[in-house]
N, C-alpha and C. Protein backbone atom coordinates (compact mmCIF):
# COMPACT_ATOMS: atom_id res chain seq x y z
N UNK A 1 88.71 196.85 217.24
CA UNK A 1 87.52 196.05 217.49
C UNK A 1 86.59 196.84 218.40
N UNK A 2 85.30 196.71 218.19
CA UNK A 2 84.36 197.39 219.06
C UNK A 2 84.27 196.65 220.38
N UNK A 3 83.69 197.29 221.37
CA UNK A 3 83.60 196.71 222.72
C UNK A 3 82.90 195.35 222.74
N UNK A 4 81.95 195.11 221.84
CA UNK A 4 81.24 193.84 221.81
C UNK A 4 82.07 192.72 221.20
N UNK A 5 83.14 193.04 220.53
CA UNK A 5 83.94 192.02 219.86
C UNK A 5 85.40 192.07 220.27
N UNK A 6 85.65 192.46 221.51
CA UNK A 6 87.03 192.58 221.97
C UNK A 6 87.71 191.25 222.23
N UNK A 7 86.94 190.19 222.47
CA UNK A 7 87.53 188.92 222.84
C UNK A 7 87.84 188.06 221.61
N UNK A 8 88.93 187.31 221.74
CA UNK A 8 89.31 186.37 220.68
C UNK A 8 89.82 185.09 221.34
N UNK A 9 89.73 184.01 220.57
CA UNK A 9 90.21 182.71 221.01
C UNK A 9 91.50 182.43 220.27
N UNK A 10 92.56 182.13 221.02
CA UNK A 10 93.85 181.78 220.43
C UNK A 10 94.11 180.32 220.78
N UNK A 11 94.33 179.49 219.75
CA UNK A 11 94.64 178.08 219.98
C UNK A 11 96.03 177.78 219.44
N UNK A 12 96.73 176.91 220.17
CA UNK A 12 98.07 176.49 219.79
C UNK A 12 98.12 174.97 219.89
N UNK A 13 98.49 174.32 218.79
CA UNK A 13 98.53 172.86 218.76
C UNK A 13 99.78 172.41 218.03
N UNK A 14 100.45 171.39 218.59
CA UNK A 14 101.60 170.82 217.91
C UNK A 14 102.49 170.04 218.85
N UNK A 15 103.60 169.59 218.34
CA UNK A 15 104.55 168.83 219.14
C UNK A 15 105.15 169.76 220.18
N UNK A 16 105.25 169.29 221.42
CA UNK A 16 105.74 170.12 222.52
C UNK A 16 107.21 170.44 222.34
N UNK A 17 107.54 171.72 222.49
CA UNK A 17 108.92 172.18 222.48
C UNK A 17 109.07 173.29 223.51
N UNK A 18 110.27 173.58 223.88
CA UNK A 18 110.54 174.64 224.85
C UNK A 18 110.18 175.99 224.24
N UNK A 19 109.49 176.82 225.02
CA UNK A 19 109.25 178.21 224.64
C UNK A 19 107.92 178.52 223.98
N UNK A 20 107.06 177.52 223.79
CA UNK A 20 105.79 177.79 223.11
C UNK A 20 104.96 178.81 223.88
N UNK A 21 104.76 178.56 225.16
CA UNK A 21 103.94 179.48 225.97
C UNK A 21 104.62 180.85 226.06
N UNK A 22 105.91 180.84 226.35
CA UNK A 22 106.64 182.10 226.52
C UNK A 22 106.57 182.97 225.27
N UNK A 23 106.83 182.38 224.10
CA UNK A 23 106.86 183.19 222.87
C UNK A 23 105.46 183.66 222.46
N UNK A 24 104.47 182.80 222.65
CA UNK A 24 103.10 183.20 222.30
C UNK A 24 102.62 184.32 223.22
N UNK A 25 102.82 184.14 224.52
CA UNK A 25 102.37 185.15 225.49
C UNK A 25 103.16 186.45 225.36
N UNK A 26 104.45 186.36 225.06
CA UNK A 26 105.26 187.56 224.86
C UNK A 26 104.76 188.34 223.66
N UNK A 27 104.43 187.65 222.57
CA UNK A 27 103.88 188.34 221.40
C UNK A 27 102.61 189.10 221.79
N UNK A 28 101.71 188.42 222.49
CA UNK A 28 100.45 189.06 222.89
C UNK A 28 100.71 190.27 223.78
N UNK A 29 101.57 190.13 224.77
CA UNK A 29 101.88 191.24 225.68
C UNK A 29 102.52 192.41 224.93
N UNK A 30 103.41 192.11 224.00
CA UNK A 30 104.07 193.17 223.22
C UNK A 30 103.07 193.99 222.40
N UNK A 31 101.91 193.39 222.10
CA UNK A 31 100.90 194.09 221.30
C UNK A 31 99.69 194.50 222.12
N UNK A 32 99.89 194.56 223.45
CA UNK A 32 98.88 195.08 224.38
C UNK A 32 97.59 194.25 224.38
N UNK A 33 97.76 192.94 224.23
CA UNK A 33 96.63 192.00 224.25
C UNK A 33 96.68 191.28 225.59
N UNK A 34 95.59 191.38 226.35
CA UNK A 34 95.53 190.80 227.69
C UNK A 34 94.95 189.39 227.63
N UNK A 35 95.61 188.44 228.28
CA UNK A 35 95.09 187.07 228.36
C UNK A 35 94.12 187.02 229.54
N UNK A 36 92.87 186.66 229.24
CA UNK A 36 91.83 186.59 230.26
C UNK A 36 91.74 185.21 230.90
N UNK A 37 92.00 184.18 230.10
CA UNK A 37 91.92 182.80 230.59
C UNK A 37 92.83 181.96 229.72
N UNK A 38 93.41 180.93 230.33
CA UNK A 38 94.34 180.07 229.58
C UNK A 38 94.24 178.65 230.11
N UNK A 39 94.30 177.71 229.18
CA UNK A 39 94.29 176.30 229.52
C UNK A 39 95.29 175.62 228.60
N UNK A 40 96.12 174.76 229.17
CA UNK A 40 97.07 174.04 228.33
C UNK A 40 97.29 172.64 228.86
N UNK A 41 97.49 171.73 227.93
CA UNK A 41 97.78 170.34 228.28
C UNK A 41 98.86 169.81 227.35
N UNK A 42 99.54 168.78 227.84
CA UNK A 42 100.49 168.06 227.02
C UNK A 42 100.12 166.59 227.16
N UNK A 43 99.84 165.96 226.03
CA UNK A 43 99.46 164.55 226.01
C UNK A 43 100.41 163.81 225.09
N UNK A 44 101.18 162.89 225.67
CA UNK A 44 102.15 162.08 224.92
C UNK A 44 103.01 162.93 223.98
N UNK A 45 103.48 164.05 224.49
CA UNK A 45 104.39 164.90 223.73
C UNK A 45 103.74 165.91 222.81
N UNK A 46 102.40 165.93 222.80
CA UNK A 46 101.69 166.91 221.96
C UNK A 46 101.08 167.99 222.83
N UNK A 47 101.32 169.22 222.43
CA UNK A 47 100.94 170.41 223.18
C UNK A 47 99.63 170.97 222.65
N UNK A 48 98.75 171.37 223.56
CA UNK A 48 97.48 172.00 223.18
C UNK A 48 97.21 173.13 224.17
N UNK A 49 96.99 174.33 223.65
CA UNK A 49 96.70 175.47 224.51
C UNK A 49 95.56 176.28 223.90
N UNK A 50 94.67 176.74 224.77
CA UNK A 50 93.59 177.63 224.34
C UNK A 50 93.58 178.83 225.28
N UNK A 51 93.50 180.00 224.69
CA UNK A 51 93.46 181.23 225.46
C UNK A 51 92.27 182.07 225.03
N UNK A 52 91.69 182.76 225.99
CA UNK A 52 90.72 183.80 225.68
C UNK A 52 91.47 185.10 225.94
N UNK A 53 91.51 185.95 224.94
CA UNK A 53 92.30 187.17 225.02
C UNK A 53 91.44 188.39 224.73
N UNK A 54 91.80 189.49 225.39
CA UNK A 54 91.10 190.77 225.22
C UNK A 54 91.91 191.65 224.27
N UNK A 55 91.33 191.95 223.13
CA UNK A 55 92.01 192.73 222.09
C UNK A 55 91.63 194.21 222.14
N UNK A 56 90.93 194.64 223.18
CA UNK A 56 90.42 196.02 223.24
C UNK A 56 91.52 197.07 223.06
N UNK A 57 92.71 196.81 223.60
CA UNK A 57 93.79 197.80 223.53
C UNK A 57 94.89 197.40 222.55
N UNK A 58 94.62 196.41 221.71
CA UNK A 58 95.63 195.93 220.76
C UNK A 58 96.15 197.08 219.91
N UNK A 59 97.45 197.04 219.65
CA UNK A 59 98.08 198.14 218.91
C UNK A 59 98.14 197.91 217.39
N UNK A 60 97.51 196.82 216.92
CA UNK A 60 97.45 196.54 215.49
C UNK A 60 96.06 196.02 215.14
N UNK A 61 95.75 196.01 213.87
CA UNK A 61 94.49 195.46 213.40
C UNK A 61 94.46 193.95 213.65
N UNK A 62 93.27 193.41 213.88
CA UNK A 62 93.09 192.00 214.18
C UNK A 62 93.71 191.10 213.10
N UNK A 63 93.46 191.42 211.83
CA UNK A 63 93.98 190.60 210.73
C UNK A 63 95.50 190.52 210.74
N UNK A 64 96.15 191.61 211.04
CA UNK A 64 97.62 191.65 211.10
C UNK A 64 98.12 190.77 212.24
N UNK A 65 97.47 190.87 213.40
CA UNK A 65 97.85 190.05 214.55
C UNK A 65 97.64 188.57 214.23
N UNK A 66 96.54 188.26 213.57
CA UNK A 66 96.24 186.89 213.16
C UNK A 66 97.38 186.33 212.30
N UNK A 67 97.81 187.09 211.33
CA UNK A 67 98.90 186.68 210.43
C UNK A 67 100.21 186.50 211.19
N UNK A 68 100.52 187.46 212.05
CA UNK A 68 101.78 187.40 212.79
C UNK A 68 101.79 186.24 213.79
N UNK A 69 100.66 185.97 214.43
CA UNK A 69 100.59 184.82 215.34
C UNK A 69 100.79 183.52 214.58
N UNK A 70 100.21 183.42 213.40
CA UNK A 70 100.42 182.22 212.57
C UNK A 70 101.91 182.05 212.27
N UNK A 71 102.61 183.16 212.01
CA UNK A 71 104.05 183.09 211.73
C UNK A 71 104.83 182.69 212.98
N UNK A 72 104.44 183.19 214.14
CA UNK A 72 105.07 182.77 215.40
C UNK A 72 104.94 181.26 215.52
N UNK A 73 103.76 180.73 215.22
CA UNK A 73 103.54 179.29 215.26
C UNK A 73 104.44 178.54 214.30
N UNK A 74 104.55 179.04 213.08
CA UNK A 74 105.42 178.41 212.08
C UNK A 74 106.86 178.37 212.59
N UNK A 75 107.31 179.48 213.17
CA UNK A 75 108.67 179.55 213.71
C UNK A 75 108.88 178.54 214.84
N UNK A 76 107.82 178.26 215.60
CA UNK A 76 107.90 177.32 216.72
C UNK A 76 107.60 175.88 216.31
N UNK A 77 107.10 175.68 215.10
CA UNK A 77 106.74 174.35 214.65
C UNK A 77 105.39 173.89 215.16
N UNK A 78 104.51 174.85 215.49
CA UNK A 78 103.15 174.54 215.94
C UNK A 78 102.16 175.34 215.09
N UNK A 79 100.89 175.04 215.26
CA UNK A 79 99.83 175.74 214.54
C UNK A 79 99.13 176.70 215.50
N UNK A 80 99.21 177.99 215.24
CA UNK A 80 98.52 178.99 216.07
C UNK A 80 97.40 179.61 215.24
N UNK A 81 96.19 179.54 215.79
CA UNK A 81 95.02 180.13 215.15
C UNK A 81 94.43 181.17 216.09
N UNK A 82 93.90 182.22 215.53
CA UNK A 82 93.27 183.27 216.31
C UNK A 82 91.95 183.61 215.63
N UNK A 83 90.86 183.50 216.40
CA UNK A 83 89.53 183.80 215.87
C UNK A 83 88.80 184.73 216.82
N UNK A 84 88.01 185.61 216.27
CA UNK A 84 87.15 186.43 217.13
C UNK A 84 86.22 185.50 217.88
N UNK A 85 85.98 185.78 219.14
CA UNK A 85 85.19 184.90 220.00
C UNK A 85 83.80 184.67 219.44
N UNK A 86 83.20 185.71 218.89
CA UNK A 86 81.83 185.57 218.37
C UNK A 86 81.78 184.57 217.21
N UNK A 87 82.80 184.54 216.37
CA UNK A 87 82.86 183.60 215.25
C UNK A 87 83.14 182.19 215.78
N UNK A 88 84.06 182.08 216.73
CA UNK A 88 84.38 180.80 217.33
C UNK A 88 83.14 180.17 217.95
N UNK A 89 82.37 180.96 218.67
CA UNK A 89 81.15 180.47 219.32
C UNK A 89 80.12 180.02 218.29
N UNK A 90 79.96 180.76 217.20
CA UNK A 90 79.02 180.38 216.15
C UNK A 90 79.43 179.06 215.49
N UNK A 91 80.72 178.87 215.29
CA UNK A 91 81.22 177.66 214.64
C UNK A 91 81.05 176.42 215.52
N UNK A 92 81.01 176.61 216.84
CA UNK A 92 81.00 175.47 217.76
C UNK A 92 79.66 175.27 218.46
N UNK A 93 78.61 175.84 217.91
CA UNK A 93 77.27 175.59 218.44
C UNK A 93 76.80 174.22 218.00
N UNK A 94 76.03 173.60 218.88
CA UNK A 94 75.50 172.27 218.54
C UNK A 94 74.08 172.41 218.04
């Protein structure tokens, strides 16, 4: 990714279980992706997390990481989505 598009938004949603944060963050760290900001809540047993991550030093292509994160989510029983920040911002403009 070029310097202008290094940031991505990672969202995790689903029923709360042990290890969601640990496994998601471990995957990111293993691929040299730095978490810049993180917010998570649990409401009546449902887990929601949003992270802003820096992909500047990522050791794989963005598309591959996107696919693998989705698989991590499937393994955990949650939905993990990863979008480039610029696309996320365009989609959420009012």
